[in-house]
Amino acid sequence: MSWILEGQKVAGEYLGTHSFTGVVVESRVKYGGKVSNTIVLDTPIVVFGDIRERVLMDTEELVLL
Protein backbone atom coordinates (compact mmCIF):
# COMPACT_ATOMS: atom_id res chain seq x y z
CA MET A 1 0.00 0.00 0.00
CA SER A 2 1.30 3.44 -0.94
CA TRP A 3 1.55 5.97 1.86
CA ILE A 4 -0.39 8.54 -0.18
CA LEU A 5 -4.08 7.69 0.20
CA GLU A 6 -5.57 10.90 -1.23
CA GLY A 7 -8.84 10.18 -3.04
CA GLN A 8 -9.20 6.71 -1.48
CA LYS A 9 -12.40 5.57 0.26
CA VAL A 10 -11.59 4.36 3.80
CA ALA A 11 -13.25 3.13 6.99
CA GLY A 12 -12.13 3.09 10.60
CA GLU A 13 -12.95 3.86 14.22
CA TYR A 14 -12.31 7.31 15.63
CA LEU A 15 -11.15 7.13 19.28
CA GLY A 16 -12.06 3.45 19.22
CA THR A 17 -15.80 4.13 19.56
CA HIS A 18 -17.05 6.06 16.52
CA SER A 19 -17.17 4.01 13.30
CA PHE A 20 -16.90 6.00 10.08
CA THR A 21 -16.39 5.90 6.33
CA GLY A 22 -15.03 8.72 4.24
CA VAL A 23 -12.55 9.93 1.64
CA VAL A 24 -8.92 10.89 2.31
CA VAL A 25 -8.28 14.48 1.20
CA GLU A 26 -4.69 14.79 2.48
CA SER A 27 -1.87 12.45 3.47
CA ARG A 28 1.24 13.81 5.16
CA VAL A 29 4.29 12.48 6.96
CA LYS A 30 4.39 13.54 10.61
CA TYR A 31 7.53 14.20 12.62
CA GLY A 32 8.86 10.75 13.44
CA GLY A 33 7.84 9.14 10.15
CA LYS A 34 4.20 8.13 10.70
CA VAL A 35 1.63 9.11 8.07
CA SER A 36 -1.45 11.13 9.08
CA ASN A 37 -4.54 11.35 6.88
CA THR A 38 -7.27 13.99 6.84
CA ILE A 39 -10.60 12.28 6.11
CA VAL A 40 -13.86 13.96 5.08
CA LEU A 41 -16.60 11.81 6.58
CA ASP A 42 -19.57 10.51 4.58
CA THR A 43 -21.78 11.05 7.65
CA PRO A 44 -20.74 13.47 10.43
CA ILE A 45 -20.16 12.00 13.91
CA VAL A 46 -20.71 13.55 17.34
CA VAL A 47 -17.65 13.43 19.60
CA PHE A 48 -17.82 14.95 23.09
CA GLY A 49 -20.85 17.00 22.02
CA ASP A 50 -19.19 18.45 18.90
CA ILE A 51 -20.13 17.52 15.33
CA ARG A 52 -17.11 16.34 13.34
CA GLU A 53 -17.12 16.36 9.53
CA ARG A 54 -13.38 15.62 9.27
CA VAL A 55 -11.01 13.49 11.33
CA LEU A 56 -7.25 12.88 11.41
CA MET A 57 -6.17 9.23 11.43
CA ASP A 58 -2.87 7.38 11.08
CA THR A 59 -2.66 5.04 8.08
CA GLU A 60 -2.41 1.86 10.19
CA GLU A 61 -5.82 2.69 11.74
CA LEU A 62 -7.61 2.70 8.35
CA VAL A 63 -9.13 0.04 6.11
CA LEU A 64 -9.33 0.69 2.36
CA LEU A 65 -12.78 0.15 0.82
PDB file of N, CA and C in Angstrom:
ATOM      1  N   MET A   1       0.848  -1.182   0.000  1.00  0.00           N
ATOM      2  CA  MET A   1       0.000   0.000   0.000  1.00  0.00           C
ATOM      3  C   MET A   1       0.890   1.241   0.000  1.00  0.00           C
ATOM      4  N   SER A   2       0.598   2.169  -0.885  1.00  0.00           N
ATOM      5  CA  SER A   2       1.304   3.440  -0.942  1.00  0.00           C
ATOM      6  C   SER A   2       0.942   4.281   0.272  1.00  0.00           C
ATOM      7  N   TRP A   3       1.850   5.143   0.695  1.00  0.00           N
ATOM      8  CA  TRP A   3       1.548   5.968   1.860  1.00  0.00           C
ATOM      9  C   TRP A   3       0.629   7.132   1.508  1.00  0.00           C
ATOM     10  N   ILE A   4       0.509   7.471   0.237  1.00  0.00           N
ATOM     11  CA  ILE A   4      -0.389   8.543  -0.181  1.00  0.00           C
ATOM     12  C   ILE A   4      -1.759   7.937  -0.485  1.00  0.00           C
ATOM     13  N   LEU A   5      -2.744   8.253   0.340  1.00  0.00           N
ATOM     14  CA  LEU A   5      -4.083   7.686   0.197  1.00  0.00           C
ATOM     15  C   LEU A   5      -5.103   8.695  -0.330  1.00  0.00           C
ATOM     16  N   GLU A   6      -4.651   9.852  -0.776  1.00  0.00           N
ATOM     17  CA  GLU A   6      -5.567  10.900  -1.227  1.00  0.00           C
ATOM     18  C   GLU A   6      -6.513  10.376  -2.297  1.00  0.00           C
ATOM     19  N   GLY A   7      -7.819  10.617  -2.107  1.00  0.00           N
ATOM     20  CA  GLY A   7      -8.841  10.177  -3.039  1.00  0.00           C
ATOM     21  C   GLY A   7      -9.383   8.786  -2.752  1.00  0.00           C
ATOM     22  N   GLN A   8      -8.775   8.069  -1.803  1.00  0.00           N
ATOM     23  CA  GLN A   8      -9.200   6.707  -1.478  1.00  0.00           C
ATOM     24  C   GLN A   8     -10.363   6.719  -0.488  1.00  0.00           C
ATOM     25  N   LYS A   9     -11.287   5.777  -0.670  1.00  0.00           N
ATOM     26  CA  LYS A   9     -12.400   5.567   0.258  1.00  0.00           C
ATOM     27  C   LYS A   9     -11.879   4.682   1.385  1.00  0.00           C
ATOM     28  N   VAL A  10     -12.106   5.097   2.645  1.00  0.00           N
ATOM     29  CA  VAL A  10     -11.591   4.359   3.796  1.00  0.00           C
ATOM     30  C   VAL A  10     -12.664   4.214   4.873  1.00  0.00           C
ATOM     31  N   ALA A  11     -12.398   3.310   5.811  1.00  0.00           N
ATOM     32  CA  ALA A  11     -13.248   3.129   6.986  1.00  0.00           C
ATOM     33  C   ALA A  11     -12.335   2.979   8.194  1.00  0.00           C
ATOM     34  N   GLY A  12     -12.901   3.236   9.374  1.00  0.00           N
ATOM     35  CA  GLY A  12     -12.127   3.090  10.598  1.00  0.00           C
ATOM     36  C   GLY A  12     -12.971   3.396  11.817  1.00  0.00           C
ATOM     37  N   GLU A  13     -12.292   3.485  12.959  1.00  0.00           N
ATOM     38  CA  GLU A  13     -12.952   3.856  14.221  1.00  0.00           C
ATOM     39  C   GLU A  13     -12.202   5.017  14.841  1.00  0.00           C
ATOM     40  N   TYR A  14     -12.899   6.137  15.025  1.00  0.00           N
ATOM     41  CA  TYR A  14     -12.305   7.313  15.632  1.00  0.00           C
ATOM     42  C   TYR A  14     -12.382   7.175  17.143  1.00  0.00           C
ATOM     43  N   LEU A  15     -11.258   7.289  17.823  1.00  0.00           N
ATOM     44  CA  LEU A  15     -11.153   7.134  19.281  1.00  0.00           C
ATOM     45  C   LEU A  15     -11.640   5.768  19.758  1.00  0.00           C
ATOM     46  N   GLY A  16     -11.666   4.805  18.862  1.00  0.00           N
ATOM     47  CA  GLY A  16     -12.055   3.450  19.223  1.00  0.00           C
ATOM     48  C   GLY A  16     -13.533   3.231  19.464  1.00  0.00           C
ATOM     49  N   THR A  17     -14.360   4.264  19.265  1.00  0.00           N
ATOM     50  CA  THR A  17     -15.795   4.130  19.559  1.00  0.00           C
ATOM     51  C   THR A  17     -16.716   4.647  18.465  1.00  0.00           C
ATOM     52  N   HIS A  18     -16.215   5.434  17.546  1.00  0.00           N
ATOM     53  CA  HIS A  18     -17.047   6.057  16.516  1.00  0.00           C
ATOM     54  C   HIS A  18     -16.656   5.508  15.142  1.00  0.00           C
ATOM     55  N   SER A  19     -17.441   4.567  14.626  1.00  0.00           N
ATOM     56  CA  SER A  19     -17.171   4.007  13.297  1.00  0.00           C
ATOM     57  C   SER A  19     -17.490   5.036  12.227  1.00  0.00           C
ATOM     58  N   PHE A  20     -16.687   5.040  11.152  1.00  0.00           N
ATOM     59  CA  PHE A  20     -16.905   6.001  10.075  1.00  0.00           C
ATOM     60  C   PHE A  20     -16.452   5.438   8.746  1.00  0.00           C
ATOM     61  N   THR A  21     -16.924   6.072   7.676  1.00  0.00           N
ATOM     62  CA  THR A  21     -16.394   5.896   6.327  1.00  0.00           C
ATOM     63  C   THR A  21     -16.199   7.297   5.758  1.00  0.00           C
ATOM     64  N   GLY A  22     -15.276   7.421   4.829  1.00  0.00           N
ATOM     65  CA  GLY A  22     -15.031   8.723   4.237  1.00  0.00           C
ATOM     66  C   GLY A  22     -13.963   8.649   3.168  1.00  0.00           C
ATOM     67  N   VAL A  23     -13.543   9.823   2.702  1.00  0.00           N
ATOM     68  CA  VAL A  23     -12.552   9.935   1.636  1.00  0.00           C
ATOM     69  C   VAL A  23     -11.354  10.729   2.163  1.00  0.00           C
ATOM     70  N   VAL A  24     -10.152  10.219   1.893  1.00  0.00           N
ATOM     71  CA  VAL A  24      -8.925  10.893   2.309  1.00  0.00           C
ATOM     72  C   VAL A  24      -8.691  12.092   1.387  1.00  0.00           C
ATOM     73  N   VAL A  25      -8.536  13.281   1.985  1.00  0.00           N
ATOM     74  CA  VAL A  25      -8.280  14.483   1.196  1.00  0.00           C
ATOM     75  C   VAL A  25      -6.833  14.951   1.314  1.00  0.00           C
ATOM     76  N   GLU A  26      -6.100  14.431   2.331  1.00  0.00           N
ATOM     77  CA  GLU A  26      -4.687  14.793   2.476  1.00  0.00           C
ATOM     78  C   GLU A  26      -3.960  13.707   3.246  1.00  0.00           C
ATOM     79  N   SER A  27      -2.768  13.356   2.764  1.00  0.00           N
ATOM     80  CA  SER A  27      -1.868  12.448   3.471  1.00  0.00           C
ATOM     81  C   SER A  27      -0.560  13.193   3.677  1.00  0.00           C
ATOM     82  N   ARG A  28      -0.026  13.125   4.898  1.00  0.00           N
ATOM     83  CA  ARG A  28       1.239  13.809   5.161  1.00  0.00           C
ATOM     84  C   ARG A  28       2.071  13.004   6.146  1.00  0.00           C
ATOM     85  N   VAL A  29       3.370  13.151   6.049  1.00  0.00           N
ATOM     86  CA  VAL A  29       4.285  12.477   6.963  1.00  0.00           C
ATOM     87  C   VAL A  29       4.474  13.377   8.177  1.00  0.00           C
ATOM     88  N   LYS A  30       4.220  12.808   9.361  1.00  0.00           N
ATOM     89  CA  LYS A  30       4.393  13.543  10.608  1.00  0.00           C
ATOM     90  C   LYS A  30       5.845  13.431  11.071  1.00  0.00           C
ATOM     91  N   TYR A  31       6.216  14.286  11.984  1.00  0.00           N
ATOM     92  CA  TYR A  31       7.528  14.195  12.615  1.00  0.00           C
ATOM     93  C   TYR A  31       7.652  12.818  13.251  1.00  0.00           C
ATOM     94  N   GLY A  32       8.689  12.098  12.935  1.00  0.00           N
ATOM     95  CA  GLY A  32       8.861  10.747  13.440  1.00  0.00           C
ATOM     96  C   GLY A  32       8.577   9.683  12.404  1.00  0.00           C
ATOM     97  N   GLY A  33       7.999  10.063  11.250  1.00  0.00           N
ATOM     98  CA  GLY A  33       7.841   9.136  10.152  1.00  0.00           C
ATOM     99  C   GLY A  33       6.466   8.524   9.954  1.00  0.00           C
ATOM    100  N   LYS A  34       5.538   8.671  10.905  1.00  0.00           N
ATOM    101  CA  LYS A  34       4.196   8.130  10.702  1.00  0.00           C
ATOM    102  C   LYS A  34       3.436   8.996   9.704  1.00  0.00           C
ATOM    103  N   VAL A  35       2.432   8.388   9.056  1.00  0.00           N
ATOM    104  CA  VAL A  35       1.627   9.112   8.073  1.00  0.00           C
ATOM    105  C   VAL A  35       0.261   9.419   8.677  1.00  0.00           C
ATOM    106  N   SER A  36      -0.146  10.687   8.601  1.00  0.00           N
ATOM    107  CA  SER A  36      -1.449  11.132   9.078  1.00  0.00           C
ATOM    108  C   SER A  36      -2.319  11.475   7.883  1.00  0.00           C
ATOM    109  N   ASN A  37      -3.602  11.124   7.968  1.00  0.00           N
ATOM    110  CA  ASN A  37      -4.540  11.355   6.875  1.00  0.00           C
ATOM    111  C   ASN A  37      -5.712  12.197   7.353  1.00  0.00           C
ATOM    112  N   THR A  38      -6.077  13.207   6.577  1.00  0.00           N
ATOM    113  CA  THR A  38      -7.275  13.987   6.839  1.00  0.00           C
ATOM    114  C   THR A  38      -8.400  13.350   6.046  1.00  0.00           C
ATOM    115  N   ILE A  39      -9.493  13.000   6.733  1.00  0.00           N
ATOM    116  CA  ILE A  39     -10.599  12.282   6.109  1.00  0.00           C
ATOM    117  C   ILE A  39     -11.871  13.103   6.221  1.00  0.00           C
ATOM    118  N   VAL A  40     -12.535  13.330   5.088  1.00  0.00           N
ATOM    119  CA  VAL A  40     -13.856  13.956   5.078  1.00  0.00           C
ATOM    120  C   VAL A  40     -14.866  12.826   5.215  1.00  0.00           C
ATOM    121  N   LEU A  41     -15.675  12.887   6.263  1.00  0.00           N
ATOM    122  CA  LEU A  41     -16.600  11.806   6.579  1.00  0.00           C
ATOM    123  C   LEU A  41     -17.825  11.818   5.674  1.00  0.00           C
ATOM    124  N   ASP A  42     -18.333  10.619   5.343  1.00  0.00           N
ATOM    125  CA  ASP A  42     -19.570  10.507   4.579  1.00  0.00           C
ATOM    126  C   ASP A  42     -20.749  10.989   5.421  1.00  0.00           C
ATOM    127  N   THR A  43     -20.744  10.640   6.711  1.00  0.00           N
ATOM    128  CA  THR A  43     -21.783  11.047   7.652  1.00  0.00           C
ATOM    129  C   THR A  43     -21.089  11.634   8.881  1.00  0.00           C
ATOM    130  N   PRO A  44     -21.382  12.874   9.251  1.00  0.00           N
ATOM    131  CA  PRO A  44     -20.740  13.471  10.433  1.00  0.00           C
ATOM    132  C   PRO A  44     -20.978  12.628  11.690  1.00  0.00           C
ATOM    133  N   ILE A  45     -20.023  12.689  12.627  1.00  0.00           N
ATOM    134  CA  ILE A  45     -20.158  11.999  13.907  1.00  0.00           C
ATOM    135  C   ILE A  45     -20.141  13.025  15.020  1.00  0.00           C
ATOM    136  N   VAL A  46     -20.715  12.671  16.168  1.00  0.00           N
ATOM    137  CA  VAL A  46     -20.713  13.547  17.336  1.00  0.00           C
ATOM    138  C   VAL A  46     -19.707  12.995  18.329  1.00  0.00           C
ATOM    139  N   VAL A  47     -18.703  13.817  18.664  1.00  0.00           N
ATOM    140  CA  VAL A  47     -17.651  13.432  19.596  1.00  0.00           C
ATOM    141  C   VAL A  47     -17.584  14.473  20.700  1.00  0.00           C
ATOM    142  N   PHE A  48     -17.822  14.047  21.931  1.00  0.00           N
ATOM    143  CA  PHE A  48     -17.818  14.948  23.087  1.00  0.00           C
ATOM    144  C   PHE A  48     -18.718  16.167  22.864  1.00  0.00           C
ATOM    145  N   GLY A  49     -19.869  15.946  22.235  1.00  0.00           N
ATOM    146  CA  GLY A  49     -20.847  17.003  22.022  1.00  0.00           C
ATOM    147  C   GLY A  49     -20.599  17.882  20.809  1.00  0.00           C
ATOM    148  N   ASP A  50     -19.500  17.661  20.095  1.00  0.00           N
ATOM    149  CA  ASP A  50     -19.189  18.447  18.896  1.00  0.00           C
ATOM    150  C   ASP A  50     -19.397  17.595  17.650  1.00  0.00           C
ATOM    151  N   ILE A  51     -19.934  18.219  16.600  1.00  0.00           N
ATOM    152  CA  ILE A  51     -20.126  17.519  15.327  1.00  0.00           C
ATOM    153  C   ILE A  51     -18.822  17.579  14.538  1.00  0.00           C
ATOM    154  N   ARG A  52     -18.345  16.420  14.127  1.00  0.00           N
ATOM    155  CA  ARG A  52     -17.114  16.336  13.335  1.00  0.00           C
ATOM    156  C   ARG A  52     -17.441  15.923  11.916  1.00  0.00           C
ATOM    157  N   GLU A  53     -16.966  16.701  10.946  1.00  0.00           N
ATOM    158  CA  GLU A  53     -17.121  16.364   9.534  1.00  0.00           C
ATOM    159  C   GLU A  53     -15.811  15.867   8.942  1.00  0.00           C
ATOM    160  N   ARG A  54     -14.708  16.070   9.667  1.00  0.00           N
ATOM    161  CA  ARG A  54     -13.376  15.620   9.273  1.00  0.00           C
ATOM    162  C   ARG A  54     -12.679  15.043  10.488  1.00  0.00           C
ATOM    163  N   VAL A  55     -11.821  14.062  10.257  1.00  0.00           N
ATOM    164  CA  VAL A  55     -11.005  13.493  11.327  1.00  0.00           C
ATOM    165  C   VAL A  55      -9.591  13.278  10.805  1.00  0.00           C
ATOM    166  N   LEU A  56      -8.632  13.215  11.727  1.00  0.00           N
ATOM    167  CA  LEU A  56      -7.249  12.881  11.405  1.00  0.00           C
ATOM    168  C   LEU A  56      -6.981  11.478  11.919  1.00  0.00           C
ATOM    169  N   MET A  57      -6.447  10.621  11.046  1.00  0.00           N
ATOM    170  CA  MET A  57      -6.166   9.235  11.432  1.00  0.00           C
ATOM    171  C   MET A  57      -4.826   8.804  10.846  1.00  0.00           C
ATOM    172  N   ASP A  58      -4.094   7.977  11.600  1.00  0.00           N
ATOM    173  CA  ASP A  58      -2.874   7.375  11.081  1.00  0.00           C
ATOM    174  C   ASP A  58      -3.250   6.269  10.096  1.00  0.00           C
ATOM    175  N   THR A  59      -2.374   6.013   9.132  1.00  0.00           N
ATOM    176  CA  THR A  59      -2.657   5.035   8.077  1.00  0.00           C
ATOM    177  C   THR A  59      -2.938   3.650   8.639  1.00  0.00           C
ATOM    178  N   GLU A  60      -2.218   3.216   9.666  1.00  0.00           N
ATOM    179  CA  GLU A  60      -2.412   1.865  10.190  1.00  0.00           C
ATOM    180  C   GLU A  60      -3.758   1.678  10.874  1.00  0.00           C
ATOM    181  N   GLU A  61      -4.494   2.758  11.119  1.00  0.00           N
ATOM    182  CA  GLU A  61      -5.816   2.687  11.744  1.00  0.00           C
ATOM    183  C   GLU A  61      -6.951   2.626  10.712  1.00  0.00           C
ATOM    184  N   LEU A  62      -6.601   2.637   9.418  1.00  0.00           N
ATOM    185  CA  LEU A  62      -7.606   2.696   8.353  1.00  0.00           C
ATOM    186  C   LEU A  62      -7.701   1.391   7.574  1.00  0.00           C
ATOM    187  N   VAL A  63      -8.891   1.161   7.003  1.00  0.00           N
ATOM    188  CA  VAL A  63      -9.133   0.037   6.108  1.00  0.00           C
ATOM    189  C   VAL A  63      -9.589   0.625   4.774  1.00  0.00           C
ATOM    190  N   LEU A  64      -8.925   0.219   3.687  1.00  0.00           N
ATOM    191  CA  LEU A  64      -9.330   0.689   2.359  1.00  0.00           C
ATOM    192  C   LEU A  64     -10.606  -0.023   1.926  1.00  0.00           C
ATOM    193  N   LEU A  65     -11.529   0.729   1.322  1.00  0.00           N
ATOM    194  CA  LEU A  65     -12.782   0.147   0.825  1.00  0.00           C
ATOM    195  C   LEU A  65     -12.755   0.070  -0.687  1.00  0.00           C
TER     196      LEU A  65
END
